[in-house]
Amino acid sequence: MSAPDEILDSVLDVVNEMPNVDGHGAWREVGPLEWQRICEKHTHATAYIEISTPGDEIEIAHLVADPDPEANKPVFDDGAAADRAREIALDCSLGVTP
């Protein structure tokens, strides 16, 4: 059987190949204090992986995925705004007020 550190390395390889969580970037490993601070804020996707054996060997990984600012950015639709402005102008010229 493999040692916990080898198993954890394999698990992290699989995690890095998985698709990103919606609205977040790739997973990255951080220290336990930073992970706890981020968990308390509830601003990032978080993961905690622990591999332990019946002996005393334990390997732990604290992972976070940073929010992607571009993913949550509103998209302005020029076409819809122009259509609405044209409708308002037409209503005004016909004497219909919203």
PDB file of N, CA and C in Angstrom:
ATOM      1  N   MET A   1       0.837  -1.182   0.000  1.00  0.00           N
ATOM      2  CA  MET A   1       0.000   0.000   0.000  1.00  0.00           C
ATOM      3  C   MET A   1       0.881   1.243   0.000  1.00  0.00           C
ATOM      4  N   SER A   2       0.391   2.303  -0.615  1.00  0.00           N
ATOM      5  CA  SER A   2       1.154   3.548  -0.716  1.00  0.00           C
ATOM      6  C   SER A   2       1.084   4.334   0.580  1.00  0.00           C
ATOM      7  N   ALA A   3       2.062   5.180   0.746  1.00  0.00           N
ATOM      8  CA  ALA A   3       2.098   6.060   1.908  1.00  0.00           C
ATOM      9  C   ALA A   3       1.080   7.186   1.718  1.00  0.00           C
ATOM     10  N   PRO A   4       0.587   7.767   2.806  1.00  0.00           N
ATOM     11  CA  PRO A   4      -0.404   8.842   2.704  1.00  0.00           C
ATOM     12  C   PRO A   4       0.041  10.013   1.816  1.00  0.00           C
ATOM     13  N   ASP A   5       1.340  10.364   1.851  1.00  0.00           N
ATOM     14  CA  ASP A   5       1.790  11.483   1.018  1.00  0.00           C
ATOM     15  C   ASP A   5       1.690  11.159  -0.471  1.00  0.00           C
ATOM     16  N   GLU A   6       1.932   9.909  -0.853  1.00  0.00           N
ATOM     17  CA  GLU A   6       1.802   9.506  -2.256  1.00  0.00           C
ATOM     18  C   GLU A   6       0.336   9.506  -2.679  1.00  0.00           C
ATOM     19  N   ILE A   7      -0.520   9.051  -1.804  1.00  0.00           N
ATOM     20  CA  ILE A   7      -1.959   9.025  -2.097  1.00  0.00           C
ATOM     21  C   ILE A   7      -2.478  10.460  -2.240  1.00  0.00           C
ATOM     22  N   LEU A   8      -2.083  11.336  -1.326  1.00  0.00           N
ATOM     23  CA  LEU A   8      -2.523  12.728  -1.386  1.00  0.00           C
ATOM     24  C   LEU A   8      -2.046  13.390  -2.676  1.00  0.00           C
ATOM     25  N   ASP A   9      -0.812  13.125  -3.083  1.00  0.00           N
ATOM     26  CA  ASP A   9      -0.309  13.676  -4.346  1.00  0.00           C
ATOM     27  C   ASP A   9      -1.167  13.212  -5.516  1.00  0.00           C
ATOM     28  N   SER A  10      -1.569  11.952  -5.505  1.00  0.00           N
ATOM     29  CA  SER A  10      -2.416  11.425  -6.573  1.00  0.00           C
ATOM     30  C   SER A  10      -3.795  12.087  -6.564  1.00  0.00           C
ATOM     31  N   VAL A  11      -4.345  12.285  -5.379  1.00  0.00           N
ATOM     32  CA  VAL A  11      -5.655  12.939  -5.258  1.00  0.00           C
ATOM     33  C   VAL A  11      -5.570  14.380  -5.769  1.00  0.00           C
ATOM     34  N   LEU A  12      -4.505  15.085  -5.432  1.00  0.00           N
ATOM     35  CA  LEU A  12      -4.346  16.471  -5.882  1.00  0.00           C
ATOM     36  C   LEU A  12      -4.184  16.545  -7.399  1.00  0.00           C
ATOM     37  N   ASP A  13      -3.518  15.543  -7.991  1.00  0.00           N
ATOM     38  CA  ASP A  13      -3.408  15.493  -9.450  1.00  0.00           C
ATOM     39  C   ASP A  13      -4.791  15.383 -10.086  1.00  0.00           C
ATOM     40  N   VAL A  14      -5.652  14.550  -9.502  1.00  0.00           N
ATOM     41  CA  VAL A  14      -7.014  14.382 -10.012  1.00  0.00           C
ATOM     42  C   VAL A  14      -7.809  15.682  -9.835  1.00  0.00           C
ATOM     43  N   VAL A  15      -7.673  16.321  -8.685  1.00  0.00           N
ATOM     44  CA  VAL A  15      -8.389  17.572  -8.418  1.00  0.00           C
ATOM     45  C   VAL A  15      -7.988  18.631  -9.442  1.00  0.00           C
ATOM     46  N   ASN A  16      -6.711  18.709  -9.775  1.00  0.00           N
ATOM     47  CA  ASN A  16      -6.240  19.717 -10.733  1.00  0.00           C
ATOM     48  C   ASN A  16      -6.754  19.471 -12.142  1.00  0.00           C
ATOM     49  N   GLU A  17      -7.177  18.255 -12.457  1.00  0.00           N
ATOM     50  CA  GLU A  17      -7.709  17.937 -13.780  1.00  0.00           C
ATOM     51  C   GLU A  17      -9.226  18.123 -13.850  1.00  0.00           C
ATOM     52  N   MET A  18      -9.867  18.296 -12.709  1.00  0.00           N
ATOM     53  CA  MET A  18     -11.321  18.468 -12.681  1.00  0.00           C
ATOM     54  C   MET A  18     -11.690  19.859 -13.175  1.00  0.00           C
ATOM     55  N   PRO A  19     -12.919  20.017 -13.691  1.00  0.00           N
ATOM     56  CA  PRO A  19     -13.368  21.361 -14.084  1.00  0.00           C
ATOM     57  C   PRO A  19     -13.445  22.267 -12.858  1.00  0.00           C
ATOM     58  N   ASN A  20     -13.294  23.556 -13.101  1.00  0.00           N
ATOM     59  CA  ASN A  20     -13.375  24.529 -12.007  1.00  0.00           C
ATOM     60  C   ASN A  20     -14.805  24.622 -11.487  1.00  0.00           C
ATOM     61  N   VAL A  21     -14.924  25.003 -10.229  1.00  0.00           N
ATOM     62  CA  VAL A  21     -16.227  25.283  -9.647  1.00  0.00           C
ATOM     63  C   VAL A  21     -16.769  26.527 -10.354  1.00  0.00           C
ATOM     64  N   ASP A  22     -18.062  26.535 -10.661  1.00  0.00           N
ATOM     65  CA  ASP A  22     -18.656  27.680 -11.364  1.00  0.00           C
ATOM     66  C   ASP A  22     -18.319  28.997 -10.666  1.00  0.00           C
ATOM     67  N   GLY A  23     -17.823  29.941 -11.429  1.00  0.00           N
ATOM     68  CA  GLY A  23     -17.520  31.260 -10.894  1.00  0.00           C
ATOM     69  C   GLY A  23     -16.217  31.353 -10.132  1.00  0.00           C
ATOM     70  N   HIS A  24     -15.388  30.303 -10.195  1.00  0.00           N
ATOM     71  CA  HIS A  24     -14.128  30.288  -9.457  1.00  0.00           C
ATOM     72  C   HIS A  24     -12.986  29.814 -10.357  1.00  0.00           C
ATOM     73  N   GLY A  25     -11.775  30.131  -9.940  1.00  0.00           N
ATOM     74  CA  GLY A  25     -10.589  29.709 -10.661  1.00  0.00           C
ATOM     75  C   GLY A  25     -10.166  28.306 -10.250  1.00  0.00           C
ATOM     76  N   ALA A  26      -8.935  27.975 -10.581  1.00  0.00           N
ATOM     77  CA  ALA A  26      -8.394  26.648 -10.277  1.00  0.00           C
ATOM     78  C   ALA A  26      -8.131  26.505  -8.774  1.00  0.00           C
ATOM     79  N   TRP A  27      -8.139  25.259  -8.310  1.00  0.00           N
ATOM     80  CA  TRP A  27      -7.830  24.980  -6.913  1.00  0.00           C
ATOM     81  C   TRP A  27      -6.361  25.265  -6.651  1.00  0.00           C
ATOM     82  N   ARG A  28      -6.073  25.776  -5.459  1.00  0.00           N
ATOM     83  CA  ARG A  28      -4.687  25.967  -5.032  1.00  0.00           C
ATOM     84  C   ARG A  28      -4.580  25.570  -3.566  1.00  0.00           C
ATOM     85  N   GLU A  29      -3.405  25.102  -3.207  1.00  0.00           N
ATOM     86  CA  GLU A  29      -3.186  24.653  -1.838  1.00  0.00           C
ATOM     87  C   GLU A  29      -2.714  25.828  -0.987  1.00  0.00           C
ATOM     88  N   VAL A  30      -3.280  25.939   0.210  1.00  0.00           N
ATOM     89  CA  VAL A  30      -2.907  27.001   1.150  1.00  0.00           C
ATOM     90  C   VAL A  30      -2.643  26.373   2.516  1.00  0.00           C
ATOM     91  N   GLY A  31      -2.113  27.166   3.415  1.00  0.00           N
ATOM     92  CA  GLY A  31      -1.874  26.702   4.777  1.00  0.00           C
ATOM     93  C   GLY A  31      -3.173  26.647   5.571  1.00  0.00           C
ATOM     94  N   PRO A  32      -3.159  25.957   6.695  1.00  0.00           N
ATOM     95  CA  PRO A  32      -4.381  25.792   7.482  1.00  0.00           C
ATOM     96  C   PRO A  32      -4.945  27.100   8.033  1.00  0.00           C
ATOM     97  N   LEU A  33      -4.107  28.054   8.403  1.00  0.00           N
ATOM     98  CA  LEU A  33      -4.614  29.322   8.937  1.00  0.00           C
ATOM     99  C   LEU A  33      -5.297  30.153   7.852  1.00  0.00           C
ATOM    100  N   GLU A  34      -4.669  30.210   6.668  1.00  0.00           N
ATOM    101  CA  GLU A  34      -5.296  30.947   5.572  1.00  0.00           C
ATOM    102  C   GLU A  34      -6.600  30.275   5.159  1.00  0.00           C
ATOM    103  N   TRP A  35      -6.612  28.942   5.129  1.00  0.00           N
ATOM    104  CA  TRP A  35      -7.816  28.193   4.761  1.00  0.00           C
ATOM    105  C   TRP A  35      -8.952  28.496   5.737  1.00  0.00           C
ATOM    106  N   GLN A  36      -8.642  28.505   7.030  1.00  0.00           N
ATOM    107  CA  GLN A  36      -9.662  28.789   8.049  1.00  0.00           C
ATOM    108  C   GLN A  36     -10.196  30.215   7.898  1.00  0.00           C
ATOM    109  N   ARG A  37      -9.297  31.157   7.650  1.00  0.00           N
ATOM    110  CA  ARG A  37      -9.713  32.558   7.477  1.00  0.00           C
ATOM    111  C   ARG A  37     -10.630  32.703   6.257  1.00  0.00           C
ATOM    112  N   ILE A  38     -10.292  32.013   5.163  1.00  0.00           N
ATOM    113  CA  ILE A  38     -11.106  32.065   3.949  1.00  0.00           C
ATOM    114  C   ILE A  38     -12.455  31.385   4.185  1.00  0.00           C
ATOM    115  N   CYS A  39     -12.457  30.263   4.911  1.00  0.00           N
ATOM    116  CA  CYS A  39     -13.714  29.567   5.219  1.00  0.00           C
ATOM    117  C   CYS A  39     -14.660  30.465   6.008  1.00  0.00           C
ATOM    118  N   GLU A  40     -14.132  31.239   6.927  1.00  0.00           N
ATOM    119  CA  GLU A  40     -14.964  32.123   7.737  1.00  0.00           C
ATOM    120  C   GLU A  40     -15.602  33.234   6.909  1.00  0.00           C
ATOM    121  N   LYS A  41     -14.927  33.660   5.836  1.00  0.00           N
ATOM    122  CA  LYS A  41     -15.458  34.721   4.974  1.00  0.00           C
ATOM    123  C   LYS A  41     -16.540  34.212   4.026  1.00  0.00           C
ATOM    124  N   HIS A  42     -16.508  32.946   3.678  1.00  0.00           N
ATOM    125  CA  HIS A  42     -17.448  32.348   2.721  1.00  0.00           C
ATOM    126  C   HIS A  42     -17.393  33.031   1.354  1.00  0.00           C
ATOM    127  N   THR A  43     -16.184  33.374   0.907  1.00  0.00           N
ATOM    128  CA  THR A  43     -16.031  34.046  -0.383  1.00  0.00           C
ATOM    129  C   THR A  43     -15.405  33.152  -1.446  1.00  0.00           C
ATOM    130  N   HIS A  44     -14.842  32.034  -1.041  1.00  0.00           N
ATOM    131  CA  HIS A  44     -14.131  31.138  -1.949  1.00  0.00           C
ATOM    132  C   HIS A  44     -14.736  29.732  -1.862  1.00  0.00           C
ATOM    133  N   ALA A  45     -14.472  28.937  -2.882  1.00  0.00           N
ATOM    134  CA  ALA A  45     -14.768  27.512  -2.780  1.00  0.00           C
ATOM    135  C   ALA A  45     -13.625  26.900  -1.963  1.00  0.00           C
ATOM    136  N   THR A  46     -13.942  25.995  -1.047  1.00  0.00           N
ATOM    137  CA  THR A  46     -12.917  25.409  -0.184  1.00  0.00           C
ATOM    138  C   THR A  46     -13.031  23.893  -0.178  1.00  0.00           C
ATOM    139  N   ALA A  47     -11.896  23.245   0.078  1.00  0.00           N
ATOM    140  CA  ALA A  47     -11.864  21.788   0.205  1.00  0.00           C
ATOM    141  C   ALA A  47     -10.792  21.422   1.225  1.00  0.00           C
ATOM    142  N   TYR A  48     -11.042  20.335   1.906  1.00  0.00           N
ATOM    143  CA  TYR A  48     -10.117  19.827   2.915  1.00  0.00           C
ATOM    144  C   TYR A  48      -9.982  18.339   2.659  1.00  0.00           C
ATOM    145  N   ILE A  49      -8.760  17.896   2.430  1.00  0.00           N
ATOM    146  CA  ILE A  49      -8.526  16.470   2.155  1.00  0.00           C
ATOM    147  C   ILE A  49      -7.561  15.937   3.203  1.00  0.00           C
ATOM    148  N   GLU A  50      -7.959  14.841   3.841  1.00  0.00           N
ATOM    149  CA  GLU A  50      -7.099  14.216   4.850  1.00  0.00           C
ATOM    150  C   GLU A  50      -6.940  12.743   4.511  1.00  0.00           C
ATOM    151  N   ILE A  51      -5.707  12.306   4.440  1.00  0.00           N
ATOM    152  CA  ILE A  51      -5.394  10.897   4.223  1.00  0.00           C
ATOM    153  C   ILE A  51      -4.685  10.407   5.483  1.00  0.00           C
ATOM    154  N   SER A  52      -5.245   9.382   6.124  1.00  0.00           N
ATOM    155  CA  SER A  52      -4.611   8.851   7.331  1.00  0.00           C
ATOM    156  C   SER A  52      -4.557   7.329   7.257  1.00  0.00           C
ATOM    157  N   THR A  53      -3.579   6.779   7.917  1.00  0.00           N
ATOM    158  CA  THR A  53      -3.418   5.331   7.977  1.00  0.00           C
ATOM    159  C   THR A  53      -3.634   4.880   9.416  1.00  0.00           C
ATOM    160  N   PRO A  54      -3.818   3.576   9.623  1.00  0.00           N
ATOM    161  CA  PRO A  54      -4.005   3.103  10.998  1.00  0.00           C
ATOM    162  C   PRO A  54      -2.851   3.474  11.925  1.00  0.00           C
ATOM    163  N   GLY A  55      -1.693   3.735  11.357  1.00  0.00           N
ATOM    164  CA  GLY A  55      -0.569   4.188  12.178  1.00  0.00           C
ATOM    165  C   GLY A  55      -0.718   5.666  12.480  1.00  0.00           C
ATOM    166  N   ASP A  56       0.378   6.341  12.611  1.00  0.00           N
ATOM    167  CA  ASP A  56       0.352   7.762  12.943  1.00  0.00           C
ATOM    168  C   ASP A  56       0.505   8.674  11.737  1.00  0.00           C
ATOM    169  N   GLU A  57       0.553   8.108  10.535  1.00  0.00           N
ATOM    170  CA  GLU A  57       0.786   8.940   9.360  1.00  0.00           C
ATOM    171  C   GLU A  57      -0.496   9.640   8.904  1.00  0.00           C
ATOM    172  N   ILE A  58      -0.424  10.954   8.798  1.00  0.00           N
ATOM    173  CA  ILE A  58      -1.550  11.760   8.321  1.00  0.00           C
ATOM    174  C   ILE A  58      -1.008  12.804   7.350  1.00  0.00           C
ATOM    175  N   GLU A  59      -1.656  12.937   6.227  1.00  0.00           N
ATOM    176  CA  GLU A  59      -1.343  13.985   5.259  1.00  0.00           C
ATOM    177  C   GLU A  59      -2.616  14.792   5.030  1.00  0.00           C
ATOM    178  N   ILE A  60      -2.488  16.110   5.054  1.00  0.00           N
ATOM    179  CA  ILE A  60      -3.640  16.991   4.924  1.00  0.00           C
ATOM    180  C   ILE A  60      -3.365  18.031   3.840  1.00  0.00           C
ATOM    181  N   ALA A  61      -4.398  18.328   3.049  1.00  0.00           N
ATOM    182  CA  ALA A  61      -4.316  19.405   2.061  1.00  0.00           C
ATOM    183  C   ALA A  61      -5.504  20.329   2.269  1.00  0.00           C
ATOM    184  N   HIS A  62      -5.215  21.607   2.343  1.00  0.00           N
ATOM    185  CA  HIS A  62      -6.245  22.646   2.437  1.00  0.00           C
ATOM    186  C   HIS A  62      -6.266  23.341   1.081  1.00  0.00           C
ATOM    187  N   LEU A  63      -7.418  23.311   0.412  1.00  0.00           N
ATOM    188  CA  LEU A  63      -7.519  23.859  -0.936  1.00  0.00           C
ATOM    189  C   LEU A  63      -8.555  24.978  -0.989  1.00  0.00           C
ATOM    190  N   VAL A  64      -8.266  25.977  -1.802  1.00  0.00           N
ATOM    191  CA  VAL A  64      -9.229  27.049  -2.071  1.00  0.00           C
ATOM    192  C   VAL A  64      -9.238  27.327  -3.568  1.00  0.00           C
ATOM    193  N   ALA A  65     -10.377  27.776  -4.033  1.00  0.00           N
ATOM    194  CA  ALA A  65     -10.509  28.243  -5.414  1.00  0.00           C
ATOM    195  C   ALA A  65     -10.984  29.684  -5.335  1.00  0.00           C
ATOM    196  N   ASP A  66     -10.178  30.597  -5.841  1.00  0.00           N
ATOM    197  CA  ASP A  66     -10.498  32.020  -5.772  1.00  0.00           C
ATOM    198  C   ASP A  66     -11.669  32.362  -6.683  1.00  0.00           C
ATOM    199  N   PRO A  67     -12.519  33.301  -6.251  1.00  0.00           N
ATOM    200  CA  PRO A  67     -13.611  33.738  -7.123  1.00  0.00           C
ATOM    201  C   PRO A  67     -13.042  34.379  -8.388  1.00  0.00           C
ATOM    202  N   ASP A  68     -13.676  34.112  -9.501  1.00  0.00           N
ATOM    203  CA  ASP A  68     -13.266  34.701 -10.774  1.00  0.00           C
ATOM    204  C   ASP A  68     -14.077  35.974 -10.974  1.00  0.00           C
ATOM    205  N   PRO A  69     -13.425  37.150 -10.893  1.00  0.00           N
ATOM    206  CA  PRO A  69     -14.187  38.398 -10.995  1.00  0.00           C
ATOM    207  C   PRO A  69     -14.893  38.550 -12.337  1.00  0.00           C
ATOM    208  N   GLU A  70     -14.368  37.957 -13.373  1.00  0.00           N
ATOM    209  CA  GLU A  70     -14.989  38.054 -14.699  1.00  0.00           C
ATOM    210  C   GLU A  70     -16.261  37.207 -14.784  1.00  0.00           C
ATOM    211  N   ALA A  71     -16.337  36.141 -13.999  1.00  0.00           N
ATOM    212  CA  ALA A  71     -17.485  35.231 -14.080  1.00  0.00           C
ATOM    213  C   ALA A  71     -18.758  35.877 -13.553  1.00  0.00           C
ATOM    214  N   ASN A  72     -18.647  36.746 -12.562  1.00  0.00           N
ATOM    215  CA  ASN A  72     -19.822  37.358 -11.957  1.00  0.00           C
ATOM    216  C   ASN A  72     -20.083  38.774 -12.461  1.00  0.00           C
ATOM    217  N   LYS A  73     -19.335  39.180 -13.468  1.00  0.00           N
ATOM    218  CA  LYS A  73     -19.485  40.520 -14.021  1.00  0.00           C
ATOM    219  C   LYS A  73     -20.730  40.566 -14.909  1.00  0.00           C
ATOM    220  N   PRO A  74     -21.594  41.542 -14.697  1.00  0.00           N
ATOM    221  CA  PRO A  74     -22.786  41.626 -15.540  1.00  0.00           C
ATOM    222  C   PRO A  74     -22.409  41.939 -16.989  1.00  0.00           C
ATOM    223  N   VAL A  75     -23.180  41.397 -17.898  1.00  0.00           N
ATOM    224  CA  VAL A  75     -22.934  41.616 -19.317  1.00  0.00           C
ATOM    225  C   VAL A  75     -23.972  42.611 -19.827  1.00  0.00           C
ATOM    226  N   PHE A  76     -23.503  43.700 -20.382  1.00  0.00           N
ATOM    227  CA  PHE A  76     -24.400  44.715 -20.918  1.00  0.00           C
ATOM    228  C   PHE A  76     -24.768  44.332 -22.340  1.00  0.00           C
ATOM    229  N   ASP A  77     -26.048  44.275 -22.593  1.00  0.00           N
ATOM    230  CA  ASP A  77     -26.549  43.895 -23.909  1.00  0.00           C
ATOM    231  C   ASP A  77     -26.935  45.161 -24.664  1.00  0.00           C
ATOM    232  N   ASP A  78     -26.045  45.610 -25.559  1.00  0.00           N
ATOM    233  CA  ASP A  78     -26.296  46.827 -26.335  1.00  0.00           C
ATOM    234  C   ASP A  78     -27.589  46.726 -27.135  1.00  0.00           C
ATOM    235  N   GLY A  79     -27.856  45.553 -27.680  1.00  0.00           N
ATOM    236  CA  GLY A  79     -29.047  45.372 -28.514  1.00  0.00           C
ATOM    237  C   GLY A  79     -30.326  45.598 -27.737  1.00  0.00           C
ATOM    238  N   ALA A  80     -30.416  45.032 -26.551  1.00  0.00           N
ATOM    239  CA  ALA A  80     -31.623  45.171 -25.741  1.00  0.00           C
ATOM    240  C   ALA A  80     -31.801  46.621 -25.287  1.00  0.00           C
ATOM    241  N   ALA A  81     -30.708  47.284 -24.912  1.00  0.00           N
ATOM    242  CA  ALA A  81     -30.798  48.679 -24.477  1.00  0.00           C
ATOM    243  C   ALA A  81     -31.238  49.567 -25.644  1.00  0.00           C
ATOM    244  N   ALA A  82     -30.692  49.325 -26.803  1.00  0.00           N
ATOM    245  CA  ALA A  82     -31.064  50.121 -27.975  1.00  0.00           C
ATOM    246  C   ALA A  82     -32.527  49.887 -28.338  1.00  0.00           C
ATOM    247  N   ASP A  83     -32.977  48.640 -28.257  1.00  0.00           N
ATOM    248  CA  ASP A  83     -34.392  48.340 -28.542  1.00  0.00           C
ATOM    249  C   ASP A  83     -35.313  49.065 -27.572  1.00  0.00           C
ATOM    250  N   ARG A  84     -34.957  49.036 -26.300  1.00  0.00           N
ATOM    251  CA  ARG A  84     -35.785  49.693 -25.281  1.00  0.00           C
ATOM    252  C   ARG A  84     -35.807  51.202 -25.493  1.00  0.00           C
ATOM    253  N   ALA A  85     -34.642  51.796 -25.817  1.00  0.00           N
ATOM    254  CA  ALA A  85     -34.581  53.243 -26.064  1.00  0.00           C
ATOM    255  C   ALA A  85     -35.444  53.607 -27.274  1.00  0.00           C
ATOM    256  N   ARG A  86     -35.424  52.783 -28.311  1.00  0.00           N
ATOM    257  CA  ARG A  86     -36.243  53.032 -29.509  1.00  0.00           C
ATOM    258  C   ARG A  86     -37.732  52.952 -29.165  1.00  0.00           C
ATOM    259  N   GLU A  87     -38.097  51.960 -28.333  1.00  0.00           N
ATOM    260  CA  GLU A  87     -39.497  51.819 -27.925  1.00  0.00           C
ATOM    261  C   GLU A  87     -39.961  53.033 -27.123  1.00  0.00           C
ATOM    262  N   ILE A  88     -39.115  53.532 -26.246  1.00  0.00           N
ATOM    263  CA  ILE A  88     -39.466  54.708 -25.440  1.00  0.00           C
ATOM    264  C   ILE A  88     -39.618  55.925 -26.337  1.00  0.00           C
ATOM    265  N   ALA A  89     -38.689  56.090 -27.276  1.00  0.00           N
ATOM    266  CA  ALA A  89     -38.762  57.240 -28.203  1.00  0.00           C
ATOM    267  C   ALA A  89     -40.025  57.151 -29.048  1.00  0.00           C
ATOM    268  N   LEU A  90     -40.371  55.949 -29.508  1.00  0.00           N
ATOM    269  CA  LEU A  90     -41.576  55.761 -30.312  1.00  0.00           C
ATOM    270  C   LEU A  90     -42.824  56.061 -29.492  1.00  0.00           C
ATOM    271  N   ASP A  91     -42.851  55.567 -28.237  1.00  0.00           N
ATOM    272  CA  ASP A  91     -43.984  55.844 -27.358  1.00  0.00           C
ATOM    273  C   ASP A  91     -44.160  57.344 -27.139  1.00  0.00           C
ATOM    274  N   CYS A  92     -43.034  58.048 -26.930  1.00  0.00           N
ATOM    275  CA  CYS A  92     -43.084  59.490 -26.713  1.00  0.00           C
ATOM    276  C   CYS A  92     -43.621  60.211 -27.960  1.00  0.00           C
ATOM    277  N   SER A  93     -43.181  59.779 -29.148  1.00  0.00           N
ATOM    278  CA  SER A  93     -43.636  60.442 -30.374  1.00  0.00           C
ATOM    279  C   SER A  93     -45.111  60.176 -30.652  1.00  0.00           C
ATOM    280  N   LEU A  94     -45.633  59.063 -30.151  1.00  0.00           N
ATOM    281  CA  LEU A  94     -47.052  58.734 -30.329  1.00  0.00           C
ATOM    282  C   LEU A  94     -47.918  59.298 -29.206  1.00  0.00           C
ATOM    283  N   GLY A  95     -47.268  59.908 -28.219  1.00  0.00           N
ATOM    284  CA  GLY A  95     -48.015  60.490 -27.115  1.00  0.00           C
ATOM    285  C   GLY A  95     -48.327  59.491 -26.001  1.00  0.00           C
ATOM    286  N   VAL A  96     -47.722  58.316 -26.043  1.00  0.00           N
ATOM    287  CA  VAL A  96     -47.933  57.325 -24.998  1.00  0.00           C
ATOM    288  C   VAL A  96     -46.776  57.447 -24.006  1.00  0.00           C
ATOM    289  N   THR A  97     -47.082  57.672 -22.741  1.00  0.00           N
ATOM    290  CA  THR A  97     -46.025  57.799 -21.750  1.00  0.00           C
ATOM    291  C   THR A  97     -46.036  56.583 -20.833  1.00  0.00           C
ATOM    292  N   PRO A  98     -44.852  56.099 -20.510  1.00  0.00           N
ATOM    293  CA  PRO A  98     -44.788  54.923 -19.624  1.00  0.00           C
ATOM    294  C   PRO A  98     -45.118  55.261 -18.199  1.00  0.00           C
TER     295      PRO A  98
END
